[in-house]
mmCIF file of all heavy atoms, coordinates in Angstrom:
data_MODEL
# 
_entry.id   MODEL 
# 
loop_
_atom_site.group_PDB 
_atom_site.id 
_atom_site.type_symbol 
_atom_site.label_atom_id 
_atom_site.label_alt_id 
_atom_site.label_comp_id 
_atom_site.label_asym_id 
_atom_site.label_entity_id 
_atom_site.label_seq_id 
_atom_site.pdbx_PDB_ins_code 
_atom_site.Cartn_x 
_atom_site.Cartn_y 
_atom_site.Cartn_z 
_atom_site.occupancy 
_atom_site.B_iso_or_equiv 
_atom_site.pdbx_formal_charge 
_atom_site.auth_seq_id 
_atom_site.auth_comp_id 
_atom_site.auth_asym_id 
_atom_site.auth_atom_id 
_atom_site.pdbx_PDB_model_num 
ATOM 1   N N   . GLY A 1 1  ? 0.796  -1.206 0.000  1.00 0.00 ? 1  GLY A N   1 
ATOM 2   C CA  . GLY A 1 1  ? 0.000  0.000  0.000  1.00 0.00 ? 1  GLY A CA  1 
ATOM 3   C C   . GLY A 1 1  ? 0.833  1.262  0.000  1.00 0.00 ? 1  GLY A C   1 
ATOM 4   O O   . GLY A 1 1  ? 2.063  1.215  -0.056 1.00 0.00 ? 1  GLY A O   1 
ATOM 5   N N   . SER A 1 2  ? 0.151  2.401  0.083  1.00 0.00 ? 2  SER A N   1 
ATOM 6   C CA  . SER A 1 2  ? 0.799  3.704  0.036  1.00 0.00 ? 2  SER A CA  1 
ATOM 7   C C   . SER A 1 2  ? 0.350  4.572  1.198  1.00 0.00 ? 2  SER A C   1 
ATOM 8   O O   . SER A 1 2  ? -0.737 4.397  1.752  1.00 0.00 ? 2  SER A O   1 
ATOM 9   C CB  . SER A 1 2  ? 0.462  4.427  -1.273 1.00 0.00 ? 2  SER A CB  1 
ATOM 10  O OG  . SER A 1 2  ? 0.953  3.716  -2.397 1.00 0.00 ? 2  SER A OG  1 
ATOM 11  N N   . LEU A 1 3  ? 1.204  5.528  1.530  1.00 0.00 ? 3  LEU A N   1 
ATOM 12  C CA  . LEU A 1 3  ? 0.925  6.474  2.595  1.00 0.00 ? 3  LEU A CA  1 
ATOM 13  C C   . LEU A 1 3  ? 1.691  7.754  2.291  1.00 0.00 ? 3  LEU A C   1 
ATOM 14  O O   . LEU A 1 3  ? 2.800  7.698  1.736  1.00 0.00 ? 3  LEU A O   1 
ATOM 15  C CB  . LEU A 1 3  ? 1.381  5.892  3.931  1.00 0.00 ? 3  LEU A CB  1 
ATOM 16  C CG  . LEU A 1 3  ? 0.671  6.273  5.228  1.00 0.00 ? 3  LEU A CG  1 
ATOM 17  C CD1 . LEU A 1 3  ? -0.812 5.926  5.164  1.00 0.00 ? 3  LEU A CD1 1 
ATOM 18  C CD2 . LEU A 1 3  ? 1.319  5.544  6.397  1.00 0.00 ? 3  LEU A CD2 1 
ATOM 19  N N   . ARG A 1 4  ? 1.117  8.898  2.631  1.00 0.00 ? 4  ARG A N   1 
ATOM 20  C CA  . ARG A 1 4  ? 1.821  10.164 2.478  1.00 0.00 ? 4  ARG A CA  1 
ATOM 21  C C   . ARG A 1 4  ? 1.947  10.857 3.820  1.00 0.00 ? 4  ARG A C   1 
ATOM 22  O O   . ARG A 1 4  ? 0.944  11.145 4.481  1.00 0.00 ? 4  ARG A O   1 
ATOM 23  C CB  . ARG A 1 4  ? 1.115  11.094 1.490  1.00 0.00 ? 4  ARG A CB  1 
ATOM 24  C CG  . ARG A 1 4  ? 1.949  12.344 1.184  1.00 0.00 ? 4  ARG A CG  1 
ATOM 25  C CD  . ARG A 1 4  ? 1.319  13.256 0.153  1.00 0.00 ? 4  ARG A CD  1 
ATOM 26  N NE  . ARG A 1 4  ? 0.219  14.034 0.700  1.00 0.00 ? 4  ARG A NE  1 
ATOM 27  C CZ  . ARG A 1 4  ? -0.263 15.146 0.144  1.00 0.00 ? 4  ARG A CZ  1 
ATOM 28  N NH1 . ARG A 1 4  ? 0.253  15.601 -0.990 1.00 0.00 ? 4  ARG A NH1 1 
ATOM 29  N NH2 . ARG A 1 4  ? -1.277 15.777 0.705  1.00 0.00 ? 4  ARG A NH2 1 
ATOM 30  N N   . LEU A 1 5  ? 3.187  11.131 4.215  1.00 0.00 ? 5  LEU A N   1 
ATOM 31  C CA  . LEU A 1 5  ? 3.460  11.852 5.443  1.00 0.00 ? 5  LEU A CA  1 
ATOM 32  C C   . LEU A 1 5  ? 3.638  13.335 5.141  1.00 0.00 ? 5  LEU A C   1 
ATOM 33  O O   . LEU A 1 5  ? 4.154  13.709 4.089  1.00 0.00 ? 5  LEU A O   1 
ATOM 34  C CB  . LEU A 1 5  ? 4.729  11.326 6.116  1.00 0.00 ? 5  LEU A CB  1 
ATOM 35  C CG  . LEU A 1 5  ? 4.795  9.827  6.404  1.00 0.00 ? 5  LEU A CG  1 
ATOM 36  C CD1 . LEU A 1 5  ? 6.087  9.502  7.149  1.00 0.00 ? 5  LEU A CD1 1 
ATOM 37  C CD2 . LEU A 1 5  ? 3.580  9.373  7.199  1.00 0.00 ? 5  LEU A CD2 1 
ATOM 38  N N   . SER A 1 6  ? 3.220  14.176 6.080  1.00 0.00 ? 6  SER A N   1 
ATOM 39  C CA  . SER A 1 6  ? 3.385  15.614 5.955  1.00 0.00 ? 6  SER A CA  1 
ATOM 40  C C   . SER A 1 6  ? 4.134  16.147 7.167  1.00 0.00 ? 6  SER A C   1 
ATOM 41  O O   . SER A 1 6  ? 4.019  15.608 8.271  1.00 0.00 ? 6  SER A O   1 
ATOM 42  C CB  . SER A 1 6  ? 2.027  16.318 5.860  1.00 0.00 ? 6  SER A CB  1 
ATOM 43  O OG  . SER A 1 6  ? 1.318  15.911 4.712  1.00 0.00 ? 6  SER A OG  1 
ATOM 44  N N   . CYS A 1 7  ? 4.897  17.198 6.965  1.00 0.00 ? 7  CYS A N   1 
ATOM 45  C CA  . CYS A 1 7  ? 5.612  17.872 8.045  1.00 0.00 ? 7  CYS A CA  1 
ATOM 46  C C   . CYS A 1 7  ? 5.412  19.365 7.869  1.00 0.00 ? 7  CYS A C   1 
ATOM 47  O O   . CYS A 1 7  ? 5.901  19.949 6.900  1.00 0.00 ? 7  CYS A O   1 
ATOM 48  C CB  . CYS A 1 7  ? 7.094  17.511 8.017  1.00 0.00 ? 7  CYS A CB  1 
ATOM 49  S SG  . CYS A 1 7  ? 8.107  18.428 9.197  1.00 0.00 ? 7  CYS A SG  1 
ATOM 50  N N   . ALA A 1 8  ? 4.691  19.975 8.802  1.00 0.00 ? 8  ALA A N   1 
ATOM 51  C CA  . ALA A 1 8  ? 4.415  21.402 8.764  1.00 0.00 ? 8  ALA A CA  1 
ATOM 52  C C   . ALA A 1 8  ? 5.411  22.143 9.648  1.00 0.00 ? 8  ALA A C   1 
ATOM 53  O O   . ALA A 1 8  ? 5.621  21.770 10.800 1.00 0.00 ? 8  ALA A O   1 
ATOM 54  C CB  . ALA A 1 8  ? 2.992  21.677 9.231  1.00 0.00 ? 8  ALA A CB  1 
ATOM 55  N N   . ALA A 1 9  ? 6.017  23.200 9.108  1.00 0.00 ? 9  ALA A N   1 
ATOM 56  C CA  . ALA A 1 9  ? 7.037  23.963 9.816  1.00 0.00 ? 9  ALA A CA  1 
ATOM 57  C C   . ALA A 1 9  ? 6.552  25.366 10.140 1.00 0.00 ? 9  ALA A C   1 
ATOM 58  O O   . ALA A 1 9  ? 5.779  25.963 9.385  1.00 0.00 ? 9  ALA A O   1 
ATOM 59  C CB  . ALA A 1 9  ? 8.315  24.046 8.982  1.00 0.00 ? 9  ALA A CB  1 
ATOM 60  N N   . SER A 1 10 ? 7.030  25.893 11.256 1.00 0.00 ? 10 SER A N   1 
ATOM 61  C CA  . SER A 1 10 ? 6.738  27.267 11.636 1.00 0.00 ? 10 SER A CA  1 
ATOM 62  C C   . SER A 1 10 ? 7.885  27.819 12.469 1.00 0.00 ? 10 SER A C   1 
ATOM 63  O O   . SER A 1 10 ? 8.730  27.064 12.959 1.00 0.00 ? 10 SER A O   1 
ATOM 64  C CB  . SER A 1 10 ? 5.432  27.361 12.425 1.00 0.00 ? 10 SER A CB  1 
ATOM 65  O OG  . SER A 1 10 ? 5.517  26.629 13.636 1.00 0.00 ? 10 SER A OG  1 
ATOM 66  N N   . GLY A 1 11 ? 7.936  29.142 12.630 1.00 0.00 ? 11 GLY A N   1 
ATOM 67  C CA  . GLY A 1 11 ? 8.919  29.781 13.494 1.00 0.00 ? 11 GLY A CA  1 
ATOM 68  C C   . GLY A 1 11 ? 10.065 30.491 12.782 1.00 0.00 ? 11 GLY A C   1 
ATOM 69  O O   . GLY A 1 11 ? 10.587 31.472 13.286 1.00 0.00 ? 11 GLY A O   1 
ATOM 70  N N   . ARG A 1 12 ? 10.474 29.996 11.628 1.00 0.00 ? 12 ARG A N   1 
ATOM 71  C CA  . ARG A 1 12 ? 11.535 30.584 10.825 1.00 0.00 ? 12 ARG A CA  1 
ATOM 72  C C   . ARG A 1 12 ? 11.155 30.481 9.356  1.00 0.00 ? 12 ARG A C   1 
ATOM 73  O O   . ARG A 1 12 ? 10.220 29.762 9.005  1.00 0.00 ? 12 ARG A O   1 
ATOM 74  C CB  . ARG A 1 12 ? 12.874 29.885 11.061 1.00 0.00 ? 12 ARG A CB  1 
ATOM 75  C CG  . ARG A 1 12 ? 13.392 29.956 12.485 1.00 0.00 ? 12 ARG A CG  1 
ATOM 76  C CD  . ARG A 1 12 ? 14.114 31.249 12.757 1.00 0.00 ? 12 ARG A CD  1 
ATOM 77  N NE  . ARG A 1 12 ? 14.771 31.229 14.058 1.00 0.00 ? 12 ARG A NE  1 
ATOM 78  C CZ  . ARG A 1 12 ? 15.430 32.246 14.579 1.00 0.00 ? 12 ARG A CZ  1 
ATOM 79  N NH1 . ARG A 1 12 ? 15.532 33.386 13.895 1.00 0.00 ? 12 ARG A NH1 1 
ATOM 80  N NH2 . ARG A 1 12 ? 15.992 32.139 15.776 1.00 0.00 ? 12 ARG A NH2 1 
ATOM 81  N N   . THR A 1 13 ? 11.910 31.160 8.515  1.00 0.00 ? 13 THR A N   1 
ATOM 82  C CA  . THR A 1 13 ? 11.660 31.090 7.083  1.00 0.00 ? 13 THR A CA  1 
ATOM 83  C C   . THR A 1 13 ? 11.949 29.675 6.583  1.00 0.00 ? 13 THR A C   1 
ATOM 84  O O   . THR A 1 13 ? 13.086 29.212 6.616  1.00 0.00 ? 13 THR A O   1 
ATOM 85  C CB  . THR A 1 13 ? 12.514 32.103 6.324  1.00 0.00 ? 13 THR A CB  1 
ATOM 86  O OG1 . THR A 1 13 ? 12.240 33.416 6.813  1.00 0.00 ? 13 THR A OG1 1 
ATOM 87  C CG2 . THR A 1 13 ? 12.211 32.063 4.835  1.00 0.00 ? 13 THR A CG2 1 
ATOM 88  N N   . PHE A 1 14 ? 10.905 28.995 6.122  1.00 0.00 ? 14 PHE A N   1 
ATOM 89  C CA  . PHE A 1 14 ? 10.995 27.594 5.741  1.00 0.00 ? 14 PHE A CA  1 
ATOM 90  C C   . PHE A 1 14 ? 12.030 27.354 4.656  1.00 0.00 ? 14 PHE A C   1 
ATOM 91  O O   . PHE A 1 14 ? 12.791 26.385 4.710  1.00 0.00 ? 14 PHE A O   1 
ATOM 92  C CB  . PHE A 1 14 ? 9.613  27.110 5.301  1.00 0.00 ? 14 PHE A CB  1 
ATOM 93  C CG  . PHE A 1 14 ? 9.549  25.666 4.914  1.00 0.00 ? 14 PHE A CG  1 
ATOM 94  C CD1 . PHE A 1 14 ? 9.736  24.672 5.855  1.00 0.00 ? 14 PHE A CD1 1 
ATOM 95  C CD2 . PHE A 1 14 ? 9.276  25.301 3.601  1.00 0.00 ? 14 PHE A CD2 1 
ATOM 96  C CE1 . PHE A 1 14 ? 9.658  23.334 5.503  1.00 0.00 ? 14 PHE A CE1 1 
ATOM 97  C CE2 . PHE A 1 14 ? 9.193  23.975 3.239  1.00 0.00 ? 14 PHE A CE2 1 
ATOM 98  C CZ  . PHE A 1 14 ? 9.383  22.987 4.191  1.00 0.00 ? 14 PHE A CZ  1 
ATOM 99  N N   . SER A 1 15 ? 12.080 28.237 3.677  1.00 0.00 ? 15 SER A N   1 
ATOM 100 C CA  . SER A 1 15 ? 12.976 28.039 2.544  1.00 0.00 ? 15 SER A CA  1 
ATOM 101 C C   . SER A 1 15 ? 14.456 28.204 2.902  1.00 0.00 ? 15 SER A C   1 
ATOM 102 O O   . SER A 1 15 ? 15.320 27.930 2.067  1.00 0.00 ? 15 SER A O   1 
ATOM 103 C CB  . SER A 1 15 ? 12.612 28.991 1.396  1.00 0.00 ? 15 SER A CB  1 
ATOM 104 O OG  . SER A 1 15 ? 12.728 30.342 1.811  1.00 0.00 ? 15 SER A OG  1 
ATOM 105 N N   . ASN A 1 16 ? 14.776 28.629 4.115  1.00 0.00 ? 16 ASN A N   1 
ATOM 106 C CA  . ASN A 1 16 ? 16.163 28.730 4.559  1.00 0.00 ? 16 ASN A CA  1 
ATOM 107 C C   . ASN A 1 16 ? 16.764 27.372 4.909  1.00 0.00 ? 16 ASN A C   1 
ATOM 108 O O   . ASN A 1 16 ? 17.969 27.274 5.127  1.00 0.00 ? 16 ASN A O   1 
ATOM 109 C CB  . ASN A 1 16 ? 16.281 29.636 5.788  1.00 0.00 ? 16 ASN A CB  1 
ATOM 110 C CG  . ASN A 1 16 ? 16.174 31.104 5.450  1.00 0.00 ? 16 ASN A CG  1 
ATOM 111 O OD1 . ASN A 1 16 ? 16.190 31.495 4.283  1.00 0.00 ? 16 ASN A OD1 1 
ATOM 112 N ND2 . ASN A 1 16 ? 16.071 31.929 6.479  1.00 0.00 ? 16 ASN A ND2 1 
ATOM 113 N N   . TYR A 1 17 ? 15.937 26.333 4.970  1.00 0.00 ? 17 TYR A N   1 
ATOM 114 C CA  . TYR A 1 17 ? 16.378 25.039 5.470  1.00 0.00 ? 17 TYR A CA  1 
ATOM 115 C C   . TYR A 1 17 ? 16.239 23.921 4.458  1.00 0.00 ? 17 TYR A C   1 
ATOM 116 O O   . TYR A 1 17 ? 15.243 23.820 3.742  1.00 0.00 ? 17 TYR A O   1 
ATOM 117 C CB  . TYR A 1 17 ? 15.574 24.661 6.719  1.00 0.00 ? 17 TYR A CB  1 
ATOM 118 C CG  . TYR A 1 17 ? 15.740 25.638 7.852  1.00 0.00 ? 17 TYR A CG  1 
ATOM 119 C CD1 . TYR A 1 17 ? 14.874 26.717 7.993  1.00 0.00 ? 17 TYR A CD1 1 
ATOM 120 C CD2 . TYR A 1 17 ? 16.773 25.483 8.765  1.00 0.00 ? 17 TYR A CD2 1 
ATOM 121 C CE1 . TYR A 1 17 ? 15.038 27.630 9.023  1.00 0.00 ? 17 TYR A CE1 1 
ATOM 122 C CE2 . TYR A 1 17 ? 16.942 26.393 9.802  1.00 0.00 ? 17 TYR A CE2 1 
ATOM 123 C CZ  . TYR A 1 17 ? 16.072 27.463 9.929  1.00 0.00 ? 17 TYR A CZ  1 
ATOM 124 O OH  . TYR A 1 17 ? 16.240 28.361 10.952 1.00 0.00 ? 17 TYR A OH  1 
ATOM 125 N N   . ALA A 1 18 ? 17.271 23.076 4.404  1.00 0.00 ? 18 ALA A N   1 
ATOM 126 C CA  . ALA A 1 18 ? 17.103 21.777 3.787  1.00 0.00 ? 18 ALA A CA  1 
ATOM 127 C C   . ALA A 1 18 ? 16.236 20.937 4.726  1.00 0.00 ? 18 ALA A C   1 
ATOM 128 O O   . ALA A 1 18 ? 16.265 21.133 5.944  1.00 0.00 ? 18 ALA A O   1 
ATOM 129 C CB  . ALA A 1 18 ? 18.459 21.100 3.573  1.00 0.00 ? 18 ALA A CB  1 
ATOM 130 N N   . MET A 1 19 ? 15.460 20.020 4.171  1.00 0.00 ? 19 MET A N   1 
ATOM 131 C CA  . MET A 1 19 ? 14.553 19.210 4.973  1.00 0.00 ? 19 MET A CA  1 
ATOM 132 C C   . MET A 1 19 ? 14.815 17.732 4.738  1.00 0.00 ? 19 MET A C   1 
ATOM 133 O O   . MET A 1 19 ? 15.214 17.327 3.644  1.00 0.00 ? 19 MET A O   1 
ATOM 134 C CB  . MET A 1 19 ? 13.099 19.531 4.633  1.00 0.00 ? 19 MET A CB  1 
ATOM 135 C CG  . MET A 1 19 ? 12.697 20.982 4.863  1.00 0.00 ? 19 MET A CG  1 
ATOM 136 S SD  . MET A 1 19 ? 12.744 21.472 6.615  1.00 0.00 ? 19 MET A SD  1 
ATOM 137 C CE  . MET A 1 19 ? 11.490 20.396 7.305  1.00 0.00 ? 19 MET A CE  1 
ATOM 138 N N   . GLY A 1 20 ? 14.569 16.940 5.769  1.00 0.00 ? 20 GLY A N   1 
ATOM 139 C CA  . GLY A 1 20 ? 14.791 15.511 5.635  1.00 0.00 ? 20 GLY A CA  1 
ATOM 140 C C   . GLY A 1 20 ? 13.817 14.686 6.444  1.00 0.00 ? 20 GLY A C   1 
ATOM 141 O O   . GLY A 1 20 ? 13.140 15.188 7.345  1.00 0.00 ? 20 GLY A O   1 
ATOM 142 N N   . TRP A 1 21 ? 13.744 13.414 6.077  1.00 0.00 ? 21 TRP A N   1 
ATOM 143 C CA  . TRP A 1 21 ? 12.966 12.420 6.816  1.00 0.00 ? 21 TRP A CA  1 
ATOM 144 C C   . TRP A 1 21 ? 13.900 11.325 7.316  1.00 0.00 ? 21 TRP A C   1 
ATOM 145 O O   . TRP A 1 21 ? 14.787 10.866 6.579  1.00 0.00 ? 21 TRP A O   1 
ATOM 146 C CB  . TRP A 1 21 ? 11.877 11.794 5.943  1.00 0.00 ? 21 TRP A CB  1 
ATOM 147 C CG  . TRP A 1 21 ? 10.721 12.701 5.650  1.00 0.00 ? 21 TRP A CG  1 
ATOM 148 C CD1 . TRP A 1 21 ? 10.544 13.477 4.552  1.00 0.00 ? 21 TRP A CD1 1 
ATOM 149 C CD2 . TRP A 1 21 ? 9.572  12.900 6.478  1.00 0.00 ? 21 TRP A CD2 1 
ATOM 150 N NE1 . TRP A 1 21 ? 9.354  14.154 4.637  1.00 0.00 ? 21 TRP A NE1 1 
ATOM 151 C CE2 . TRP A 1 21 ? 8.735  13.824 5.809  1.00 0.00 ? 21 TRP A CE2 1 
ATOM 152 C CE3 . TRP A 1 21 ? 9.157  12.393 7.713  1.00 0.00 ? 21 TRP A CE3 1 
ATOM 153 C CZ2 . TRP A 1 21 ? 7.517  14.247 6.337  1.00 0.00 ? 21 TRP A CZ2 1 
ATOM 154 C CZ3 . TRP A 1 21 ? 7.949  12.812 8.236  1.00 0.00 ? 21 TRP A CZ3 1 
ATOM 155 C CH2 . TRP A 1 21 ? 7.149  13.726 7.555  1.00 0.00 ? 21 TRP A CH2 1 
ATOM 156 N N   . PHE A 1 22 ? 13.684 10.905 8.554  1.00 0.00 ? 22 PHE A N   1 
ATOM 157 C CA  . PHE A 1 22 ? 14.430 9.826  9.184  1.00 0.00 ? 22 PHE A CA  1 
ATOM 158 C C   . PHE A 1 22 ? 13.432 8.872  9.817  1.00 0.00 ? 22 PHE A C   1 
ATOM 159 O O   . PHE A 1 22 ? 12.268 9.225  10.024 1.00 0.00 ? 22 PHE A O   1 
ATOM 160 C CB  . PHE A 1 22 ? 15.385 10.375 10.248 1.00 0.00 ? 22 PHE A CB  1 
ATOM 161 C CG  . PHE A 1 22 ? 16.431 11.302 9.703  1.00 0.00 ? 22 PHE A CG  1 
ATOM 162 C CD1 . PHE A 1 22 ? 16.121 12.619 9.380  1.00 0.00 ? 22 PHE A CD1 1 
ATOM 163 C CD2 . PHE A 1 22 ? 17.735 10.866 9.506  1.00 0.00 ? 22 PHE A CD2 1 
ATOM 164 C CE1 . PHE A 1 22 ? 17.079 13.484 8.875  1.00 0.00 ? 22 PHE A CE1 1 
ATOM 165 C CE2 . PHE A 1 22 ? 18.710 11.717 9.005  1.00 0.00 ? 22 PHE A CE2 1 
ATOM 166 C CZ  . PHE A 1 22 ? 18.379 13.019 8.686  1.00 0.00 ? 22 PHE A CZ  1 
ATOM 167 N N   . ARG A 1 23 ? 13.882 7.673  10.137 1.00 0.00 ? 23 ARG A N   1 
ATOM 168 C CA  . ARG A 1 23 ? 12.989 6.725  10.796 1.00 0.00 ? 23 ARG A CA  1 
ATOM 169 C C   . ARG A 1 23 ? 13.764 5.884  11.806 1.00 0.00 ? 23 ARG A C   1 
ATOM 170 O O   . ARG A 1 23 ? 14.967 5.694  11.694 1.00 0.00 ? 23 ARG A O   1 
ATOM 171 C CB  . ARG A 1 23 ? 12.289 5.818  9.782  1.00 0.00 ? 23 ARG A CB  1 
ATOM 172 C CG  . ARG A 1 23 ? 13.210 4.863  9.042  1.00 0.00 ? 23 ARG A CG  1 
ATOM 173 C CD  . ARG A 1 23 ? 12.451 4.139  7.940  1.00 0.00 ? 23 ARG A CD  1 
ATOM 174 N NE  . ARG A 1 23 ? 13.285 3.167  7.252  1.00 0.00 ? 23 ARG A NE  1 
ATOM 175 C CZ  . ARG A 1 23 ? 12.904 2.476  6.184  1.00 0.00 ? 23 ARG A CZ  1 
ATOM 176 N NH1 . ARG A 1 23 ? 11.690 2.661  5.672  1.00 0.00 ? 23 ARG A NH1 1 
ATOM 177 N NH2 . ARG A 1 23 ? 13.732 1.606  5.626  1.00 0.00 ? 23 ARG A NH2 1 
ATOM 178 N N   . GLN A 1 24 ? 13.032 5.380  12.790 1.00 0.00 ? 24 GLN A N   1 
ATOM 179 C CA  . GLN A 1 24 ? 13.634 4.530  13.800 1.00 0.00 ? 24 GLN A CA  1 
ATOM 180 C C   . GLN A 1 24 ? 12.663 3.417  14.168 1.00 0.00 ? 24 GLN A C   1 
ATOM 181 O O   . GLN A 1 24 ? 11.543 3.681  14.592 1.00 0.00 ? 24 GLN A O   1 
ATOM 182 C CB  . GLN A 1 24 ? 14.018 5.322  15.048 1.00 0.00 ? 24 GLN A CB  1 
ATOM 183 C CG  . GLN A 1 24 ? 14.798 4.508  16.069 1.00 0.00 ? 24 GLN A CG  1 
ATOM 184 C CD  . GLN A 1 24 ? 15.409 5.371  17.151 1.00 0.00 ? 24 GLN A CD  1 
ATOM 185 O OE1 . GLN A 1 24 ? 14.896 6.443  17.473 1.00 0.00 ? 24 GLN A OE1 1 
ATOM 186 N NE2 . GLN A 1 24 ? 16.509 4.905  17.721 1.00 0.00 ? 24 GLN A NE2 1 
ATOM 187 N N   . ALA A 1 25 ? 13.105 2.183  13.996 1.00 0.00 ? 25 ALA A N   1 
ATOM 188 C CA  . ALA A 1 25 ? 12.335 1.013  14.376 1.00 0.00 ? 25 ALA A CA  1 
ATOM 189 C C   . ALA A 1 25 ? 12.787 0.545  15.755 1.00 0.00 ? 25 ALA A C   1 
ATOM 190 O O   . ALA A 1 25 ? 13.922 0.814  16.161 1.00 0.00 ? 25 ALA A O   1 
ATOM 191 C CB  . ALA A 1 25 ? 12.519 -0.100 13.349 1.00 0.00 ? 25 ALA A CB  1 
ATOM 192 N N   . PRO A 1 26 ? 11.938 -0.170 16.491 1.00 0.00 ? 26 PRO A N   1 
ATOM 193 C CA  . PRO A 1 26 ? 12.324 -0.661 17.815 1.00 0.00 ? 26 PRO A CA  1 
ATOM 194 C C   . PRO A 1 26 ? 13.606 -1.482 17.763 1.00 0.00 ? 26 PRO A C   1 
ATOM 195 O O   . PRO A 1 26 ? 13.748 -2.372 16.918 1.00 0.00 ? 26 PRO A O   1 
ATOM 196 C CB  . PRO A 1 26 ? 11.135 -1.522 18.230 1.00 0.00 ? 26 PRO A CB  1 
ATOM 197 C CG  . PRO A 1 26 ? 9.979  -0.931 17.497 1.00 0.00 ? 26 PRO A CG  1 
ATOM 198 C CD  . PRO A 1 26 ? 10.541 -0.514 16.169 1.00 0.00 ? 26 PRO A CD  1 
# 
């Protein structure tokens, strides 16, 4: 199947940052 994750940012200018996704399993 498929899933889409979203990450909403606030507090600073969003375009100033590179963005990434990480994961951790037990």
